[in-house]
Amino acid sequence: MAKNTLRDLNDHLFETIEALKDPDNPMGIARALAVTRVADAIVKAAKVQLDYHKTVERLADEDMRFFDRESGQKRLINGKAGHA
């Protein structure tokens, strides 16, 4: 499994730009677009992870009794927040 970081991704993207600009052996556009699409997916996944951690941290600080933190599920009893 890859052990790369977002810093590594940044390096790869700059390498792609350099390869595109290489006058002797430029990278093909299709390959550069593939790199860009994969990078975009990685950035989106990182954003989802960051948003998740921010949300979990915020919920831990708030009085969110209607969340069953053990299972992560919302429980309502007769339309009111409570424990099942």
PDB file of N, CA and C in Angstrom:
ATOM      1  N   MET A   1       0.848  -1.182   0.000  1.00  0.00           N
ATOM      2  CA  MET A   1       0.000   0.000   0.000  1.00  0.00           C
ATOM      3  C   MET A   1       0.892   1.243   0.000  1.00  0.00           C
ATOM      4  N   ALA A   2       0.488   2.223  -0.756  1.00  0.00           N
ATOM      5  CA  ALA A   2       1.257   3.470  -0.865  1.00  0.00           C
ATOM      6  C   ALA A   2       1.271   4.209   0.465  1.00  0.00           C
ATOM      7  N   LYS A   3       2.367   4.846   0.740  1.00  0.00           N
ATOM      8  CA  LYS A   3       2.516   5.606   1.982  1.00  0.00           C
ATOM      9  C   LYS A   3       2.806   7.065   1.657  1.00  0.00           C
ATOM     10  N   ASN A   4       2.141   7.588   0.653  1.00  0.00           N
ATOM     11  CA  ASN A   4       2.369   8.961   0.231  1.00  0.00           C
ATOM     12  C   ASN A   4       1.535   9.929   1.060  1.00  0.00           C
ATOM     13  N   THR A   5       1.957  11.179   1.063  1.00  0.00           N
ATOM     14  CA  THR A   5       1.252  12.236   1.770  1.00  0.00           C
ATOM     15  C   THR A   5       0.786  13.278   0.756  1.00  0.00           C
ATOM     16  N   LEU A   6       0.024  14.243   1.220  1.00  0.00           N
ATOM     17  CA  LEU A   6      -0.389  15.330   0.336  1.00  0.00           C
ATOM     18  C   LEU A   6       0.821  16.143  -0.120  1.00  0.00           C
ATOM     19  N   ARG A   7       1.850  16.197   0.687  1.00  0.00           N
ATOM     20  CA  ARG A   7       3.091  16.861   0.265  1.00  0.00           C
ATOM     21  C   ARG A   7       3.703  16.120  -0.923  1.00  0.00           C
ATOM     22  N   ASP A   8       3.685  14.794  -0.866  1.00  0.00           N
ATOM     23  CA  ASP A   8       4.178  13.992  -1.994  1.00  0.00           C
ATOM     24  C   ASP A   8       3.340  14.253  -3.245  1.00  0.00           C
ATOM     25  N   LEU A   9       2.025  14.364  -3.061  1.00  0.00           N
ATOM     26  CA  LEU A   9       1.147  14.652  -4.191  1.00  0.00           C
ATOM     27  C   LEU A   9       1.534  15.981  -4.830  1.00  0.00           C
ATOM     28  N   ASN A  10       1.787  16.965  -4.013  1.00  0.00           N
ATOM     29  CA  ASN A  10       2.218  18.271  -4.517  1.00  0.00           C
ATOM     30  C   ASN A  10       3.491  18.130  -5.355  1.00  0.00           C
ATOM     31  N   ASP A  11       4.427  17.353  -4.852  1.00  0.00           N
ATOM     32  CA  ASP A  11       5.670  17.126  -5.603  1.00  0.00           C
ATOM     33  C   ASP A  11       5.379  16.457  -6.952  1.00  0.00           C
ATOM     34  N   HIS A  12       4.511  15.451  -6.946  1.00  0.00           N
ATOM     35  CA  HIS A  12       4.170  14.756  -8.196  1.00  0.00           C
ATOM     36  C   HIS A  12       3.510  15.700  -9.197  1.00  0.00           C
ATOM     37  N   LEU A  13       2.665  16.578  -8.709  1.00  0.00           N
ATOM     38  CA  LEU A  13       2.003  17.516  -9.616  1.00  0.00           C
ATOM     39  C   LEU A  13       3.004  18.486 -10.237  1.00  0.00           C
ATOM     40  N   PHE A  14       3.957  18.965  -9.448  1.00  0.00           N
ATOM     41  CA  PHE A  14       4.985  19.842 -10.014  1.00  0.00           C
ATOM     42  C   PHE A  14       5.888  19.089 -10.983  1.00  0.00           C
ATOM     43  N   GLU A  15       6.155  17.806 -10.691  1.00  0.00           N
ATOM     44  CA  GLU A  15       6.918  16.989 -11.635  1.00  0.00           C
ATOM     45  C   GLU A  15       6.163  16.835 -12.950  1.00  0.00           C
ATOM     46  N   THR A  16       4.841  16.716 -12.857  1.00  0.00           N
ATOM     47  CA  THR A  16       4.025  16.602 -14.069  1.00  0.00           C
ATOM     48  C   THR A  16       4.135  17.877 -14.899  1.00  0.00           C
ATOM     49  N   ILE A  17       4.079  19.015 -14.242  1.00  0.00           N
ATOM     50  CA  ILE A  17       4.221  20.293 -14.958  1.00  0.00           C
ATOM     51  C   ILE A  17       5.588  20.361 -15.637  1.00  0.00           C
ATOM     52  N   GLU A  18       6.629  19.969 -14.904  1.00  0.00           N
ATOM     53  CA  GLU A  18       7.978  19.988 -15.493  1.00  0.00           C
ATOM     54  C   GLU A  18       8.058  19.043 -16.687  1.00  0.00           C
ATOM     55  N   ALA A  19       7.426  17.869 -16.564  1.00  0.00           N
ATOM     56  CA  ALA A  19       7.459  16.899 -17.666  1.00  0.00           C
ATOM     57  C   ALA A  19       6.694  17.416 -18.880  1.00  0.00           C
ATOM     58  N   LEU A  20       5.614  18.121 -18.633  1.00  0.00           N
ATOM     59  CA  LEU A  20       4.865  18.711 -19.751  1.00  0.00           C
ATOM     60  C   LEU A  20       5.700  19.752 -20.486  1.00  0.00           C
ATOM     61  N   LYS A  21       6.530  20.461 -19.756  1.00  0.00           N
ATOM     62  CA  LYS A  21       7.321  21.544 -20.344  1.00  0.00           C
ATOM     63  C   LYS A  21       8.654  21.077 -20.919  1.00  0.00           C
ATOM     64  N   ASP A  22       8.984  19.796 -20.746  1.00  0.00           N
ATOM     65  CA  ASP A  22      10.258  19.278 -21.247  1.00  0.00           C
ATOM     66  C   ASP A  22      10.289  19.396 -22.772  1.00  0.00           C
ATOM     67  N   PRO A  23      11.199  20.220 -23.315  1.00  0.00           N
ATOM     68  CA  PRO A  23      11.210  20.425 -24.763  1.00  0.00           C
ATOM     69  C   PRO A  23      11.673  19.195 -25.544  1.00  0.00           C
ATOM     70  N   ASP A  24      12.470  18.341 -24.926  1.00  0.00           N
ATOM     71  CA  ASP A  24      13.005  17.177 -25.624  1.00  0.00           C
ATOM     72  C   ASP A  24      12.062  15.970 -25.593  1.00  0.00           C
ATOM     73  N   ASN A  25      11.355  15.814 -24.495  1.00  0.00           N
ATOM     74  CA  ASN A  25      10.487  14.648 -24.342  1.00  0.00           C
ATOM     75  C   ASN A  25       9.269  15.030 -23.483  1.00  0.00           C
ATOM     76  N   PRO A  26       8.348  15.826 -24.026  1.00  0.00           N
ATOM     77  CA  PRO A  26       7.209  16.273 -23.221  1.00  0.00           C
ATOM     78  C   PRO A  26       6.249  15.128 -22.895  1.00  0.00           C
ATOM     79  N   MET A  27       5.683  15.194 -21.689  1.00  0.00           N
ATOM     80  CA  MET A  27       4.684  14.211 -21.287  1.00  0.00           C
ATOM     81  C   MET A  27       3.445  14.387 -22.159  1.00  0.00           C
ATOM     82  N   GLY A  28       2.810  13.287 -22.496  1.00  0.00           N
ATOM     83  CA  GLY A  28       1.594  13.345 -23.293  1.00  0.00           C
ATOM     84  C   GLY A  28       0.447  13.966 -22.510  1.00  0.00           C
ATOM     85  N   ILE A  29      -0.419  14.654 -23.210  1.00  0.00           N
ATOM     86  CA  ILE A  29      -1.558  15.324 -22.587  1.00  0.00           C
ATOM     87  C   ILE A  29      -2.474  14.319 -21.887  1.00  0.00           C
ATOM     88  N   ALA A  30      -2.711  13.182 -22.510  1.00  0.00           N
ATOM     89  CA  ALA A  30      -3.593  12.174 -21.910  1.00  0.00           C
ATOM     90  C   ALA A  30      -3.046  11.706 -20.562  1.00  0.00           C
ATOM     91  N   ARG A  31      -1.748  11.509 -20.505  1.00  0.00           N
ATOM     92  CA  ARG A  31      -1.130  11.067 -19.247  1.00  0.00           C
ATOM     93  C   ARG A  31      -1.214  12.165 -18.190  1.00  0.00           C
ATOM     94  N   ALA A  32      -0.968  13.394 -18.587  1.00  0.00           N
ATOM     95  CA  ALA A  32      -1.055  14.515 -17.650  1.00  0.00           C
ATOM     96  C   ALA A  32      -2.482  14.664 -17.122  1.00  0.00           C
ATOM     97  N   LEU A  33      -3.471  14.482 -17.993  1.00  0.00           N
ATOM     98  CA  LEU A  33      -4.866  14.555 -17.555  1.00  0.00           C
ATOM     99  C   LEU A  33      -5.191  13.428 -16.574  1.00  0.00           C
ATOM    100  N   ALA A  34      -4.643  12.254 -16.814  1.00  0.00           N
ATOM    101  CA  ALA A  34      -4.854  11.135 -15.891  1.00  0.00           C
ATOM    102  C   ALA A  34      -4.268  11.454 -14.519  1.00  0.00           C
ATOM    103  N   VAL A  35      -3.067  12.028 -14.490  1.00  0.00           N
ATOM    104  CA  VAL A  35      -2.435  12.426 -13.226  1.00  0.00           C
ATOM    105  C   VAL A  35      -3.322  13.442 -12.506  1.00  0.00           C
ATOM    106  N   THR A  36      -3.843  14.398 -13.263  1.00  0.00           N
ATOM    107  CA  THR A  36      -4.690  15.439 -12.690  1.00  0.00           C
ATOM    108  C   THR A  36      -5.968  14.852 -12.100  1.00  0.00           C
ATOM    109  N   ARG A  37      -6.576  13.917 -12.803  1.00  0.00           N
ATOM    110  CA  ARG A  37      -7.818  13.303 -12.309  1.00  0.00           C
ATOM    111  C   ARG A  37      -7.574  12.509 -11.026  1.00  0.00           C
ATOM    112  N   VAL A  38      -6.486  11.773 -10.996  1.00  0.00           N
ATOM    113  CA  VAL A  38      -6.168  11.002  -9.793  1.00  0.00           C
ATOM    114  C   VAL A  38      -5.873  11.962  -8.634  1.00  0.00           C
ATOM    115  N   ALA A  39      -5.114  13.010  -8.905  1.00  0.00           N
ATOM    116  CA  ALA A  39      -4.796  13.994  -7.869  1.00  0.00           C
ATOM    117  C   ALA A  39      -6.073  14.625  -7.331  1.00  0.00           C
ATOM    118  N   ASP A  40      -7.001  14.949  -8.205  1.00  0.00           N
ATOM    119  CA  ASP A  40      -8.266  15.545  -7.784  1.00  0.00           C
ATOM    120  C   ASP A  40      -9.030  14.593  -6.865  1.00  0.00           C
ATOM    121  N   ALA A  41      -9.043  13.320  -7.207  1.00  0.00           N
ATOM    122  CA  ALA A  41      -9.723  12.334  -6.364  1.00  0.00           C
ATOM    123  C   ALA A  41      -9.063  12.231  -4.992  1.00  0.00           C
ATOM    124  N   ILE A  42      -7.741  12.284  -4.958  1.00  0.00           N
ATOM    125  CA  ILE A  42      -7.015  12.217  -3.687  1.00  0.00           C
ATOM    126  C   ILE A  42      -7.335  13.433  -2.823  1.00  0.00           C
ATOM    127  N   VAL A  43      -7.343  14.613  -3.428  1.00  0.00           N
ATOM    128  CA  VAL A  43      -7.644  15.839  -2.691  1.00  0.00           C
ATOM    129  C   VAL A  43      -9.073  15.799  -2.151  1.00  0.00           C
ATOM    130  N   LYS A  44     -10.014  15.333  -2.959  1.00  0.00           N
ATOM    131  CA  LYS A  44     -11.404  15.235  -2.497  1.00  0.00           C
ATOM    132  C   LYS A  44     -11.532  14.256  -1.335  1.00  0.00           C
ATOM    133  N   ALA A  45     -10.840  13.135  -1.410  1.00  0.00           N
ATOM    134  CA  ALA A  45     -10.881  12.157  -0.318  1.00  0.00           C
ATOM    135  C   ALA A  45     -10.275  12.743   0.955  1.00  0.00           C
ATOM    136  N   ALA A  46      -9.189  13.494   0.816  1.00  0.00           N
ATOM    137  CA  ALA A  46      -8.569  14.125   1.979  1.00  0.00           C
ATOM    138  C   ALA A  46      -9.519  15.144   2.602  1.00  0.00           C
ATOM    139  N   LYS A  47     -10.248  15.882   1.763  1.00  0.00           N
ATOM    140  CA  LYS A  47     -11.201  16.869   2.269  1.00  0.00           C
ATOM    141  C   LYS A  47     -12.326  16.188   3.035  1.00  0.00           C
ATOM    142  N   VAL A  48     -12.820  15.064   2.526  1.00  0.00           N
ATOM    143  CA  VAL A  48     -13.866  14.315   3.224  1.00  0.00           C
ATOM    144  C   VAL A  48     -13.355  13.858   4.590  1.00  0.00           C
ATOM    145  N   GLN A  49     -12.132  13.352   4.639  1.00  0.00           N
ATOM    146  CA  GLN A  49     -11.556  12.901   5.905  1.00  0.00           C
ATOM    147  C   GLN A  49     -11.420  14.059   6.887  1.00  0.00           C
ATOM    148  N   LEU A  50     -10.950  15.201   6.403  1.00  0.00           N
ATOM    149  CA  LEU A  50     -10.798  16.374   7.256  1.00  0.00           C
ATOM    150  C   LEU A  50     -12.157  16.841   7.769  1.00  0.00           C
ATOM    151  N   ASP A  51     -13.154  16.911   6.902  1.00  0.00           N
ATOM    152  CA  ASP A  51     -14.497  17.308   7.312  1.00  0.00           C
ATOM    153  C   ASP A  51     -15.057  16.346   8.354  1.00  0.00           C
ATOM    154  N   TYR A  52     -14.824  15.064   8.173  1.00  0.00           N
ATOM    155  CA  TYR A  52     -15.280  14.058   9.132  1.00  0.00           C
ATOM    156  C   TYR A  52     -14.666  14.314  10.504  1.00  0.00           C
ATOM    157  N   HIS A  53     -13.348  14.513  10.540  1.00  0.00           N
ATOM    158  CA  HIS A  53     -12.676  14.728  11.819  1.00  0.00           C
ATOM    159  C   HIS A  53     -13.141  16.019  12.487  1.00  0.00           C
ATOM    160  N   LYS A  54     -13.360  17.072  11.708  1.00  0.00           N
ATOM    161  CA  LYS A  54     -13.873  18.321  12.273  1.00  0.00           C
ATOM    162  C   LYS A  54     -15.263  18.115  12.859  1.00  0.00           C
ATOM    163  N   THR A  55     -16.101  17.359  12.163  1.00  0.00           N
ATOM    164  CA  THR A  55     -17.465  17.108  12.631  1.00  0.00           C
ATOM    165  C   THR A  55     -17.455  16.281  13.896  1.00  0.00           C
ATOM    166  N   VAL A  56     -16.664  15.237  13.932  1.00  0.00           N
ATOM    167  CA  VAL A  56     -16.589  14.389  15.121  1.00  0.00           C
ATOM    168  C   VAL A  56     -16.094  15.196  16.310  1.00  0.00           C
ATOM    169  N   GLU A  57     -15.105  16.034  16.097  1.00  0.00           N
ATOM    170  CA  GLU A  57     -14.573  16.872  17.173  1.00  0.00           C
ATOM    171  C   GLU A  57     -15.642  17.843  17.674  1.00  0.00           C
ATOM    172  N   ARG A  58     -16.384  18.448  16.736  1.00  0.00           N
ATOM    173  CA  ARG A  58     -17.433  19.393  17.121  1.00  0.00           C
ATOM    174  C   ARG A  58     -18.538  18.678  17.896  1.00  0.00           C
ATOM    175  N   LEU A  59     -18.941  17.507  17.433  1.00  0.00           N
ATOM    176  CA  LEU A  59     -20.003  16.766  18.115  1.00  0.00           C
ATOM    177  C   LEU A  59     -19.582  16.348  19.515  1.00  0.00           C
ATOM    178  N   ALA A  60     -18.317  16.050  19.691  1.00  0.00           N
ATOM    179  CA  ALA A  60     -17.817  15.660  21.011  1.00  0.00           C
ATOM    180  C   ALA A  60     -17.903  16.829  21.981  1.00  0.00           C
ATOM    181  N   ASP A  61     -17.824  18.056  21.481  1.00  0.00           N
ATOM    182  CA  ASP A  61     -17.865  19.243  22.326  1.00  0.00           C
ATOM    183  C   ASP A  61     -19.284  19.720  22.616  1.00  0.00           C
ATOM    184  N   GLU A  62     -20.254  19.275  21.842  1.00  0.00           N
ATOM    185  CA  GLU A  62     -21.627  19.737  21.993  1.00  0.00           C
ATOM    186  C   GLU A  62     -22.454  18.723  22.772  1.00  0.00           C
ATOM    187  N   ASP A  63     -23.570  19.192  23.280  1.00  0.00           N
ATOM    188  CA  ASP A  63     -24.507  18.311  23.966  1.00  0.00           C
ATOM    189  C   ASP A  63     -25.383  17.648  22.911  1.00  0.00           C
ATOM    190  N   MET A  64     -24.926  16.536  22.403  1.00  0.00           N
ATOM    191  CA  MET A  64     -25.624  15.841  21.335  1.00  0.00           C
ATOM    192  C   MET A  64     -26.139  14.505  21.858  1.00  0.00           C
ATOM    193  N   ARG A  65     -26.989  14.559  22.862  1.00  0.00           N
ATOM    194  CA  ARG A  65     -27.468  13.334  23.498  1.00  0.00           C
ATOM    195  C   ARG A  65     -28.270  12.432  22.568  1.00  0.00           C
ATOM    196  N   PHE A  66     -28.833  12.997  21.494  1.00  0.00           N
ATOM    197  CA  PHE A  66     -29.621  12.141  20.600  1.00  0.00           C
ATOM    198  C   PHE A  66     -28.750  11.288  19.695  1.00  0.00           C
ATOM    199  N   PHE A  67     -27.438  11.491  19.747  1.00  0.00           N
ATOM    200  CA  PHE A  67     -26.530  10.604  19.020  1.00  0.00           C
ATOM    201  C   PHE A  67     -26.030   9.536  19.967  1.00  0.00           C
ATOM    202  N   ASP A  68     -26.162   8.312  19.543  1.00  0.00           N
ATOM    203  CA  ASP A  68     -25.575   7.204  20.285  1.00  0.00           C
ATOM    204  C   ASP A  68     -24.135   7.121  19.837  1.00  0.00           C
ATOM    205  N   ARG A  69     -23.242   7.678  20.598  1.00  0.00           N
ATOM    206  CA  ARG A  69     -21.844   7.751  20.179  1.00  0.00           C
ATOM    207  C   ARG A  69     -21.195   6.376  20.075  1.00  0.00           C
ATOM    208  N   GLU A  70     -21.769   5.398  20.778  1.00  0.00           N
ATOM    209  CA  GLU A  70     -21.207   4.047  20.695  1.00  0.00           C
ATOM    210  C   GLU A  70     -21.359   3.475  19.296  1.00  0.00           C
ATOM    211  N   SER A  71     -22.550   3.623  18.717  1.00  0.00           N
ATOM    212  CA  SER A  71     -22.787   3.044  17.403  1.00  0.00           C
ATOM    213  C   SER A  71     -22.807   4.094  16.303  1.00  0.00           C
ATOM    214  N   GLY A  72     -22.817   5.371  16.675  1.00  0.00           N
ATOM    215  CA  GLY A  72     -22.849   6.431  15.690  1.00  0.00           C
ATOM    216  C   GLY A  72     -24.220   6.632  15.069  1.00  0.00           C
ATOM    217  N   GLN A  73     -25.256   6.043  15.665  1.00  0.00           N
ATOM    218  CA  GLN A  73     -26.592   6.166  15.107  1.00  0.00           C
ATOM    219  C   GLN A  73     -27.450   7.088  15.956  1.00  0.00           C
ATOM    220  N   LYS A  74     -28.386   7.763  15.299  1.00  0.00           N
ATOM    221  CA  LYS A  74     -29.325   8.654  15.958  1.00  0.00           C
ATOM    222  C   LYS A  74     -30.467   7.812  16.512  1.00  0.00           C
ATOM    223  N   ARG A  75     -30.872   8.083  17.733  1.00  0.00           N
ATOM    224  CA  ARG A  75     -31.985   7.347  18.316  1.00  0.00           C
ATOM    225  C   ARG A  75     -33.017   8.346  18.837  1.00  0.00           C
ATOM    226  N   LEU A  76     -34.263   8.128  18.468  1.00  0.00           N
ATOM    227  CA  LEU A  76     -35.362   8.955  18.947  1.00  0.00           C
ATOM    228  C   LEU A  76     -36.411   8.062  19.592  1.00  0.00           C
ATOM    229  N   ILE A  77     -36.975   8.541  20.693  1.00  0.00           N
ATOM    230  CA  ILE A  77     -38.050   7.818  21.367  1.00  0.00           C
ATOM    231  C   ILE A  77     -39.255   8.730  21.385  1.00  0.00           C
ATOM    232  N   ASN A  78     -40.361   8.310  20.789  1.00  0.00           N
ATOM    233  CA  ASN A  78     -41.568   9.111  20.710  1.00  0.00           C
ATOM    234  C   ASN A  78     -41.297  10.516  20.194  1.00  0.00           C
ATOM    235  N   GLY A  79     -40.426  10.626  19.190  1.00  0.00           N
ATOM    236  CA  GLY A  79     -40.128  11.923  18.592  1.00  0.00           C
ATOM    237  C   GLY A  79     -39.211  12.798  19.424  1.00  0.00           C
ATOM    238  N   LYS A  80     -38.762  12.292  20.574  1.00  0.00           N
ATOM    239  CA  LYS A  80     -37.877  13.069  21.436  1.00  0.00           C
ATOM    240  C   LYS A  80     -36.520  12.378  21.515  1.00  0.00           C
ATOM    241  N   ALA A  81     -35.494  13.186  21.705  1.00  0.00           N
ATOM    242  CA  ALA A  81     -34.153  12.623  21.822  1.00  0.00           C
ATOM    243  C   ALA A  81     -34.063  11.801  23.081  1.00  0.00           C
ATOM    244  N   GLY A  82     -33.396  10.696  22.996  1.00  0.00           N
ATOM    245  CA  GLY A  82     -33.221   9.858  24.168  1.00  0.00           C
ATOM    246  C   GLY A  82     -32.438   8.620  23.823  1.00  0.00           C
ATOM    247  N   HIS A  83     -32.331   7.747  24.786  1.00  0.00           N
ATOM    248  CA  HIS A  83     -31.616   6.490  24.583  1.00  0.00           C
ATOM    249  C   HIS A  83     -32.612   5.375  24.365  1.00  0.00           C
ATOM    250  N   ALA A  84     -32.282   4.470  23.465  1.00  0.00           N
ATOM    251  CA  ALA A  84     -33.177   3.347  23.176  1.00  0.00           C
ATOM    252  C   ALA A  84     -33.030   2.283  24.225  1.00  0.00           C
TER     253      ALA A  84
END
